[in-house]
């Protein structure tokens, strides 16, 4: 079982989300505890190589795996997710 940690920047983004979306994101966090047996995780490319993303509806969670730790790096709506 992996340990899921949330970066401070991602925690701030999480707090700004509507409550219903927060509930869906928490479900993703629970799924990530089962890493690497997580379906739907997509490896990212380009400048984000080494990171993965999971989605729930129009929202994305970007994370990086370091040993047995899954570190949540970013959370957001797909329209603003991949830009700087």
PDB file of N, CA and C in Angstrom:
ATOM      1  N   UNK A   1       0.850  -1.178   0.000  1.00  0.00           N
ATOM      2  CA  UNK A   1       0.000   0.000   0.000  1.00  0.00           C
ATOM      3  C   UNK A   1       0.893   1.238   0.000  1.00  0.00           C
ATOM      4  N   UNK A   2       0.592   2.171  -0.876  1.00  0.00           N
ATOM      5  CA  UNK A   2       1.379   3.390  -1.003  1.00  0.00           C
ATOM      6  C   UNK A   2       0.885   4.456  -0.025  1.00  0.00           C
ATOM      7  N   UNK A   3       1.801   5.321   0.345  1.00  0.00           N
ATOM      8  CA  UNK A   3       1.455   6.470   1.185  1.00  0.00           C
ATOM      9  C   UNK A   3       1.164   7.650   0.255  1.00  0.00           C
ATOM     10  N   UNK A   4       0.013   8.268   0.404  1.00  0.00           N
ATOM     11  CA  UNK A   4      -0.371   9.405  -0.428  1.00  0.00           C
ATOM     12  C   UNK A   4      -0.141  10.689   0.357  1.00  0.00           C
ATOM     13  N   UNK A   5       0.661  11.595  -0.211  1.00  0.00           N
ATOM     14  CA  UNK A   5       0.895  12.899   0.403  1.00  0.00           C
ATOM     15  C   UNK A   5       0.480  13.985  -0.584  1.00  0.00           C
ATOM     16  N   UNK A   6       0.081  15.117  -0.052  1.00  0.00           N
ATOM     17  CA  UNK A   6      -0.396  16.227  -0.876  1.00  0.00           C
ATOM     18  C   UNK A   6       0.534  17.418  -0.672  1.00  0.00           C
ATOM     19  N   UNK A   7       1.088  17.920  -1.778  1.00  0.00           N
ATOM     20  CA  UNK A   7       1.950  19.097  -1.714  1.00  0.00           C
ATOM     21  C   UNK A   7       1.118  20.292  -1.246  1.00  0.00           C
ATOM     22  N   UNK A   8       1.742  21.256  -0.565  1.00  0.00           N
ATOM     23  CA  UNK A   8       0.997  22.430  -0.078  1.00  0.00           C
ATOM     24  C   UNK A   8       0.250  23.179  -1.189  1.00  0.00           C
ATOM     25  N   UNK A   9       0.853  23.282  -2.371  1.00  0.00           N
ATOM     26  CA  UNK A   9       0.184  23.969  -3.488  1.00  0.00           C
ATOM     27  C   UNK A   9      -1.079  23.220  -3.908  1.00  0.00           C
ATOM     28  N   UNK A  10      -0.980  21.889  -3.950  1.00  0.00           N
ATOM     29  CA  UNK A  10      -2.131  21.071  -4.318  1.00  0.00           C
ATOM     30  C   UNK A  10      -3.214  21.145  -3.244  1.00  0.00           C
ATOM     31  N   UNK A  11      -2.812  21.210  -1.982  1.00  0.00           N
ATOM     32  CA  UNK A  11      -3.790  21.320  -0.893  1.00  0.00           C
ATOM     33  C   UNK A  11      -4.576  22.620  -1.009  1.00  0.00           C
ATOM     34  N   UNK A  12      -3.903  23.699  -1.363  1.00  0.00           N
ATOM     35  CA  UNK A  12      -4.591  24.988  -1.535  1.00  0.00           C
ATOM     36  C   UNK A  12      -5.572  24.925  -2.704  1.00  0.00           C
ATOM     37  N   UNK A  13      -5.172  24.276  -3.800  1.00  0.00           N
ATOM     38  CA  UNK A  13      -6.068  24.120  -4.951  1.00  0.00           C
ATOM     39  C   UNK A  13      -7.275  23.264  -4.567  1.00  0.00           C
ATOM     40  N   UNK A  14      -7.038  22.217  -3.783  1.00  0.00           N
ATOM     41  CA  UNK A  14      -8.114  21.334  -3.327  1.00  0.00           C
ATOM     42  C   UNK A  14      -9.141  22.105  -2.501  1.00  0.00           C
ATOM     43  N   UNK A  15      -8.666  22.929  -1.581  1.00  0.00           N
ATOM     44  CA  UNK A  15      -9.570  23.691  -0.704  1.00  0.00           C
ATOM     45  C   UNK A  15     -10.447  24.663  -1.481  1.00  0.00           C
ATOM     46  N   UNK A  16      -9.975  25.124  -2.641  1.00  0.00           N
ATOM     47  CA  UNK A  16     -10.738  26.088  -3.441  1.00  0.00           C
ATOM     48  C   UNK A  16     -11.821  25.424  -4.291  1.00  0.00           C
ATOM     49  N   UNK A  17     -11.822  24.104  -4.365  1.00  0.00           N
ATOM     50  CA  UNK A  17     -12.801  23.388  -5.193  1.00  0.00           C
ATOM     51  C   UNK A  17     -14.156  23.309  -4.499  1.00  0.00           C
ATOM     52  N   UNK A  18     -15.227  23.178  -5.296  1.00  0.00           N
ATOM     53  CA  UNK A  18     -16.551  22.946  -4.693  1.00  0.00           C
ATOM     54  C   UNK A  18     -16.557  21.637  -3.905  1.00  0.00           C
ATOM     55  N   UNK A  19     -17.355  21.557  -2.878  1.00  0.00           N
ATOM     56  CA  UNK A  19     -17.411  20.406  -1.975  1.00  0.00           C
ATOM     57  C   UNK A  19     -17.671  19.097  -2.730  1.00  0.00           C
ATOM     58  N   UNK A  20     -18.563  19.113  -3.723  1.00  0.00           N
ATOM     59  CA  UNK A  20     -18.873  17.892  -4.472  1.00  0.00           C
ATOM     60  C   UNK A  20     -17.646  17.384  -5.224  1.00  0.00           C
ATOM     61  N   UNK A  21     -16.850  18.280  -5.768  1.00  0.00           N
ATOM     62  CA  UNK A  21     -15.637  17.897  -6.483  1.00  0.00           C
ATOM     63  C   UNK A  21     -14.592  17.392  -5.488  1.00  0.00           C
ATOM     64  N   UNK A  22     -14.504  18.024  -4.326  1.00  0.00           N
ATOM     65  CA  UNK A  22     -13.570  17.561  -3.300  1.00  0.00           C
ATOM     66  C   UNK A  22     -13.847  16.103  -2.936  1.00  0.00           C
ATOM     67  N   UNK A  23     -15.104  15.741  -2.825  1.00  0.00           N
ATOM     68  CA  UNK A  23     -15.478  14.367  -2.492  1.00  0.00           C
ATOM     69  C   UNK A  23     -14.969  13.400  -3.559  1.00  0.00           C
ATOM     70  N   UNK A  24     -15.110  13.774  -4.831  1.00  0.00           N
ATOM     71  CA  UNK A  24     -14.631  12.923  -5.921  1.00  0.00           C
ATOM     72  C   UNK A  24     -13.110  12.822  -5.911  1.00  0.00           C
ATOM     73  N   UNK A  25     -12.437  13.910  -5.607  1.00  0.00           N
ATOM     74  CA  UNK A  25     -10.973  13.916  -5.560  1.00  0.00           C
ATOM     75  C   UNK A  25     -10.478  13.025  -4.413  1.00  0.00           C
ATOM     76  N   UNK A  26     -11.145  13.073  -3.274  1.00  0.00           N
ATOM     77  CA  UNK A  26     -10.756  12.224  -2.140  1.00  0.00           C
ATOM     78  C   UNK A  26     -10.859  10.750  -2.528  1.00  0.00           C
ATOM     79  N   UNK A  27     -11.857  10.393  -3.331  1.00  0.00           N
ATOM     80  CA  UNK A  27     -11.968   9.010  -3.810  1.00  0.00           C
ATOM     81  C   UNK A  27     -10.746   8.626  -4.646  1.00  0.00           C
ATOM     82  N   UNK A  28     -10.248   9.567  -5.455  1.00  0.00           N
ATOM     83  CA  UNK A  28      -9.029   9.299  -6.234  1.00  0.00           C
ATOM     84  C   UNK A  28      -7.840   9.080  -5.298  1.00  0.00           C
ATOM     85  N   UNK A  29      -7.744   9.894  -4.245  1.00  0.00           N
ATOM     86  CA  UNK A  29      -6.658   9.726  -3.273  1.00  0.00           C
ATOM     87  C   UNK A  29      -6.692   8.314  -2.681  1.00  0.00           C
ATOM     88  N   UNK A  30      -7.881   7.844  -2.359  1.00  0.00           N
ATOM     89  CA  UNK A  30      -8.019   6.500  -1.787  1.00  0.00           C
ATOM     90  C   UNK A  30      -7.585   5.431  -2.795  1.00  0.00           C
ATOM     91  N   UNK A  31      -7.943   5.632  -4.060  1.00  0.00           N
ATOM     92  CA  UNK A  31      -7.524   4.687  -5.092  1.00  0.00           C
ATOM     93  C   UNK A  31      -6.014   4.667  -5.223  1.00  0.00           C
ATOM     94  N   UNK A  32      -5.386   5.837  -5.098  1.00  0.00           N
ATOM     95  CA  UNK A  32      -3.939   5.925  -5.262  1.00  0.00           C
ATOM     96  C   UNK A  32      -3.178   5.164  -4.176  1.00  0.00           C
ATOM     97  N   UNK A  33      -3.808   4.899  -3.049  1.00  0.00           N
ATOM     98  CA  UNK A  33      -3.154   4.096  -2.007  1.00  0.00           C
ATOM     99  C   UNK A  33      -2.849   2.685  -2.509  1.00  0.00           C
ATOM    100  N   UNK A  34      -3.540   2.247  -3.559  1.00  0.00           N
ATOM    101  CA  UNK A  34      -3.342   0.913  -4.122  1.00  0.00           C
ATOM    102  C   UNK A  34      -2.289   0.903  -5.234  1.00  0.00           C
ATOM    103  N   UNK A  35      -1.526   1.986  -5.402  1.00  0.00           N
ATOM    104  CA  UNK A  35      -0.529   2.071  -6.460  1.00  0.00           C
ATOM    105  C   UNK A  35       0.420   0.877  -6.357  1.00  0.00           C
ATOM    106  N   UNK A  36       0.750   0.197  -7.438  1.00  0.00           N
ATOM    107  CA  UNK A  36       0.548   0.501  -8.857  1.00  0.00           C
ATOM    108  C   UNK A  36      -0.709  -0.115  -9.463  1.00  0.00           C
ATOM    109  N   UNK A  37      -1.583  -0.692  -8.654  1.00  0.00           N
ATOM    110  CA  UNK A  37      -2.807  -1.309  -9.171  1.00  0.00           C
ATOM    111  C   UNK A  37      -3.917  -0.279  -9.299  1.00  0.00           C
ATOM    112  N   UNK A  38      -3.639   0.824 -10.000  1.00  0.00           N
ATOM    113  CA  UNK A  38      -4.617   1.896 -10.182  1.00  0.00           C
ATOM    114  C   UNK A  38      -4.938   1.995 -11.664  1.00  0.00           C
ATOM    115  N   UNK A  39      -6.185   1.801 -12.020  1.00  0.00           N
ATOM    116  CA  UNK A  39      -6.573   1.909 -13.425  1.00  0.00           C
ATOM    117  C   UNK A  39      -6.836   3.373 -13.773  1.00  0.00           C
ATOM    118  N   UNK A  40      -6.564   3.715 -15.012  1.00  0.00           N
ATOM    119  CA  UNK A  40      -6.856   5.054 -15.500  1.00  0.00           C
ATOM    120  C   UNK A  40      -5.747   6.069 -15.314  1.00  0.00           C
ATOM    121  N   UNK A  41      -4.625   5.690 -14.688  1.00  0.00           N
ATOM    122  CA  UNK A  41      -3.506   6.622 -14.507  1.00  0.00           C
ATOM    123  C   UNK A  41      -2.765   6.724 -15.830  1.00  0.00           C
ATOM    124  N   UNK A  42      -2.545   7.945 -16.274  1.00  0.00           N
ATOM    125  CA  UNK A  42      -1.890   8.176 -17.561  1.00  0.00           C
ATOM    126  C   UNK A  42      -0.543   8.857 -17.321  1.00  0.00           C
ATOM    127  N   UNK A  43       0.548   8.283 -17.854  1.00  0.00           N
ATOM    128  CA  UNK A  43       1.837   8.965 -17.726  1.00  0.00           C
ATOM    129  C   UNK A  43       1.843  10.221 -18.587  1.00  0.00           C
ATOM    130  N   UNK A  44       2.414  11.284 -18.060  1.00  0.00           N
ATOM    131  CA  UNK A  44       2.463  12.543 -18.788  1.00  0.00           C
ATOM    132  C   UNK A  44       3.761  12.629 -19.579  1.00  0.00           C
ATOM    133  N   UNK A  45       3.765  13.525 -20.590  1.00  0.00           N
ATOM    134  CA  UNK A  45       4.917  13.635 -21.490  1.00  0.00           C
ATOM    135  C   UNK A  45       5.458  15.059 -21.472  1.00  0.00           C
ATOM    136  N   UNK A  46       6.495  15.264 -22.251  1.00  0.00           N
ATOM    137  CA  UNK A  46       7.084  16.590 -22.383  1.00  0.00           C
ATOM    138  C   UNK A  46       7.733  17.042 -21.092  1.00  0.00           C
ATOM    139  N   UNK A  47       7.473  18.287 -20.716  1.00  0.00           N
ATOM    140  CA  UNK A  47       8.077  18.829 -19.491  1.00  0.00           C
ATOM    141  C   UNK A  47       7.513  18.187 -18.229  1.00  0.00           C
ATOM    142  N   UNK A  48       6.424  17.429 -18.358  1.00  0.00           N
ATOM    143  CA  UNK A  48       5.807  16.758 -17.209  1.00  0.00           C
ATOM    144  C   UNK A  48       6.172  15.280 -17.116  1.00  0.00           C
ATOM    145  N   UNK A  49       7.157  14.847 -17.917  1.00  0.00           N
ATOM    146  CA  UNK A  49       7.553  13.440 -17.900  1.00  0.00           C
ATOM    147  C   UNK A  49       7.953  13.042 -16.477  1.00  0.00           C
ATOM    148  N   UNK A  50       7.536  11.852 -16.085  1.00  0.00           N
ATOM    149  CA  UNK A  50       7.776  11.379 -14.727  1.00  0.00           C
ATOM    150  C   UNK A  50       6.571  11.544 -13.825  1.00  0.00           C
ATOM    151  N   UNK A  51       5.599  12.323 -14.278  1.00  0.00           N
ATOM    152  CA  UNK A  51       4.355  12.513 -13.535  1.00  0.00           C
ATOM    153  C   UNK A  51       3.235  11.743 -14.223  1.00  0.00           C
ATOM    154  N   UNK A  52       2.165  11.549 -13.483  1.00  0.00           N
ATOM    155  CA  UNK A  52       0.969  10.875 -13.994  1.00  0.00           C
ATOM    156  C   UNK A  52      -0.235  11.758 -13.718  1.00  0.00           C
ATOM    157  N   UNK A  53      -1.352  11.397 -14.356  1.00  0.00           N
ATOM    158  CA  UNK A  53      -2.590  12.086 -14.034  1.00  0.00           C
ATOM    159  C   UNK A  53      -3.731  11.083 -13.961  1.00  0.00           C
ATOM    160  N   UNK A  54      -4.662  11.390 -13.078  1.00  0.00           N
ATOM    161  CA  UNK A  54      -5.946  10.696 -12.998  1.00  0.00           C
ATOM    162  C   UNK A  54      -7.017  11.732 -13.226  1.00  0.00           C
ATOM    163  N   UNK A  55      -8.140  11.305 -13.759  1.00  0.00           N
ATOM    164  CA  UNK A  55      -9.212  12.267 -13.966  1.00  0.00           C
ATOM    165  C   UNK A  55     -10.502  11.783 -13.334  1.00  0.00           C
ATOM    166  N   UNK A  56     -11.317  12.756 -12.983  1.00  0.00           N
ATOM    167  CA  UNK A  56     -12.675  12.503 -12.531  1.00  0.00           C
ATOM    168  C   UNK A  56     -13.527  13.588 -13.157  1.00  0.00           C
ATOM    169  N   UNK A  57     -14.298  13.221 -14.161  1.00  0.00           N
ATOM    170  CA  UNK A  57     -15.074  14.213 -14.900  1.00  0.00           C
ATOM    171  C   UNK A  57     -14.133  15.203 -15.573  1.00  0.00           C
ATOM    172  N   UNK A  58     -14.350  16.489 -15.345  1.00  0.00           N
ATOM    173  CA  UNK A  58     -13.529  17.541 -15.937  1.00  0.00           C
ATOM    174  C   UNK A  58     -12.343  17.925 -15.069  1.00  0.00           C
ATOM    175  N   UNK A  59     -12.105  17.230 -13.987  1.00  0.00           N
ATOM    176  CA  UNK A  59     -11.016  17.575 -13.065  1.00  0.00           C
ATOM    177  C   UNK A  59      -9.884  16.557 -13.152  1.00  0.00           C
ATOM    178  N   UNK A  60      -8.675  17.043 -12.925  1.00  0.00           N
ATOM    179  CA  UNK A  60      -7.478  16.226 -13.026  1.00  0.00           C
ATOM    180  C   UNK A  60      -6.666  16.298 -11.736  1.00  0.00           C
ATOM    181  N   UNK A  61      -5.979  15.207 -11.432  1.00  0.00           N
ATOM    182  CA  UNK A  61      -5.033  15.146 -10.321  1.00  0.00           C
ATOM    183  C   UNK A  61      -3.698  14.711 -10.913  1.00  0.00           C
ATOM    184  N   UNK A  62      -2.685  15.556 -10.753  1.00  0.00           N
ATOM    185  CA  UNK A  62      -1.342  15.228 -11.223  1.00  0.00           C
ATOM    186  C   UNK A  62      -0.529  14.741 -10.031  1.00  0.00           C
ATOM    187  N   UNK A  63       0.204  13.641 -10.239  1.00  0.00           N
ATOM    188  CA  UNK A  63       0.984  13.083  -9.136  1.00  0.00           C
ATOM    189  C   UNK A  63       2.272  12.473  -9.652  1.00  0.00           C
ATOM    190  N   UNK A  64       3.188  12.250  -8.729  1.00  0.00           N
ATOM    191  CA  UNK A  64       4.486  11.638  -9.006  1.00  0.00           C
ATOM    192  C   UNK A  64       4.671  10.503  -8.003  1.00  0.00           C
ATOM    193  N   UNK A  65       5.266   9.419  -8.465  1.00  0.00           N
ATOM    194  CA  UNK A  65       5.513   8.270  -7.605  1.00  0.00           C
ATOM    195  C   UNK A  65       6.995   8.240  -7.265  1.00  0.00           C
ATOM    196  N   UNK A  66       7.291   8.203  -5.966  1.00  0.00           N
ATOM    197  CA  UNK A  66       8.665   8.139  -5.480  1.00  0.00           C
ATOM    198  C   UNK A  66       8.746   7.000  -4.472  1.00  0.00           C
ATOM    199  N   UNK A  67       9.211   5.845  -4.931  1.00  0.00           N
ATOM    200  CA  UNK A  67       9.264   4.664  -4.069  1.00  0.00           C
ATOM    201  C   UNK A  67       7.861   4.199  -3.716  1.00  0.00           C
ATOM    202  N   UNK A  68       7.549   4.153  -2.426  1.00  0.00           N
ATOM    203  CA  UNK A  68       6.199   3.754  -2.008  1.00  0.00           C
ATOM    204  C   UNK A  68       5.352   4.960  -1.623  1.00  0.00           C
ATOM    205  N   UNK A  69       5.756   6.147  -2.082  1.00  0.00           N
ATOM    206  CA  UNK A  69       4.995   7.374  -1.826  1.00  0.00           C
ATOM    207  C   UNK A  69       4.418   7.924  -3.126  1.00  0.00           C
ATOM    208  N   UNK A  70       3.146   8.276  -3.092  1.00  0.00           N
ATOM    209  CA  UNK A  70       2.485   8.954  -4.204  1.00  0.00           C
ATOM    210  C   UNK A  70       2.275  10.394  -3.755  1.00  0.00           C
ATOM    211  N   UNK A  71       2.929  11.324  -4.447  1.00  0.00           N
ATOM    212  CA  UNK A  71       2.868  12.739  -4.057  1.00  0.00           C
ATOM    213  C   UNK A  71       1.972  13.498  -5.026  1.00  0.00           C
ATOM    214  N   UNK A  72       0.873  14.046  -4.504  1.00  0.00           N
ATOM    215  CA  UNK A  72      -0.052  14.837  -5.305  1.00  0.00           C
ATOM    216  C   UNK A  72       0.584  16.207  -5.536  1.00  0.00           C
ATOM    217  N   UNK A  73       0.752  16.569  -6.813  1.00  0.00           N
ATOM    218  CA  UNK A  73       1.415  17.819  -7.161  1.00  0.00           C
ATOM    219  C   UNK A  73       0.452  18.935  -7.540  1.00  0.00           C
ATOM    220  N   UNK A  74      -0.659  18.559  -8.179  1.00  0.00           N
ATOM    221  CA  UNK A  74      -1.560  19.576  -8.722  1.00  0.00           C
ATOM    222  C   UNK A  74      -2.957  18.998  -8.852  1.00  0.00           C
ATOM    223  N   UNK A  75      -3.950  19.853  -8.657  1.00  0.00           N
ATOM    224  CA  UNK A  75      -5.356  19.477  -8.806  1.00  0.00           C
ATOM    225  C   UNK A  75      -6.040  20.621  -9.535  1.00  0.00           C
ATOM    226  N   UNK A  76      -6.873  20.314 -10.526  1.00  0.00           N
ATOM    227  CA  UNK A  76      -7.565  21.409 -11.191  1.00  0.00           C
ATOM    228  C   UNK A  76      -8.483  20.974 -12.311  1.00  0.00           C
ATOM    229  N   UNK A  77      -9.184  21.953 -12.850  1.00  0.00           N
ATOM    230  CA  UNK A  77     -10.085  21.759 -13.980  1.00  0.00           C
ATOM    231  C   UNK A  77      -9.265  21.573 -15.246  1.00  0.00           C
ATOM    232  N   UNK A  78      -9.744  20.747 -16.144  1.00  0.00           N
ATOM    233  CA  UNK A  78      -8.986  20.419 -17.350  1.00  0.00           C
ATOM    234  C   UNK A  78      -8.654  21.630 -18.207  1.00  0.00           C
ATOM    235  N   UNK A  79      -9.508  22.663 -18.204  1.00  0.00           N
ATOM    236  CA  UNK A  79      -9.265  23.857 -19.024  1.00  0.00           C
ATOM    237  C   UNK A  79      -7.991  24.585 -18.619  1.00  0.00           C
ATOM    238  N   UNK A  80      -7.646  24.541 -17.342  1.00  0.00           N
ATOM    239  CA  UNK A  80      -6.494  25.288 -16.837  1.00  0.00           C
ATOM    240  C   UNK A  80      -5.400  24.381 -16.283  1.00  0.00           C
ATOM    241  N   UNK A  81      -5.514  23.088 -16.533  1.00  0.00           N
ATOM    242  CA  UNK A  81      -4.645  22.142 -15.858  1.00  0.00           C
ATOM    243  C   UNK A  81      -3.243  22.056 -16.450  1.00  0.00           C
ATOM    244  N   UNK A  82      -3.128  21.982 -17.764  1.00  0.00           N
ATOM    245  CA  UNK A  82      -1.826  21.701 -18.370  1.00  0.00           C
ATOM    246  C   UNK A  82      -1.027  22.942 -18.699  1.00  0.00           C
ATOM    247  N   UNK A  83      -1.609  24.109 -18.623  1.00  0.00           N
ATOM    248  CA  UNK A  83      -0.865  25.349 -18.885  1.00  0.00           C
ATOM    249  C   UNK A  83       0.010  25.701 -17.709  1.00  0.00           C
ATOM    250  N   UNK A  84       0.817  26.729 -17.860  1.00  0.00           N
ATOM    251  CA  UNK A  84       1.712  27.146 -16.764  1.00  0.00           C
ATOM    252  C   UNK A  84       0.934  27.705 -15.673  1.00  0.00           C
TER     253      UNK A  84
END
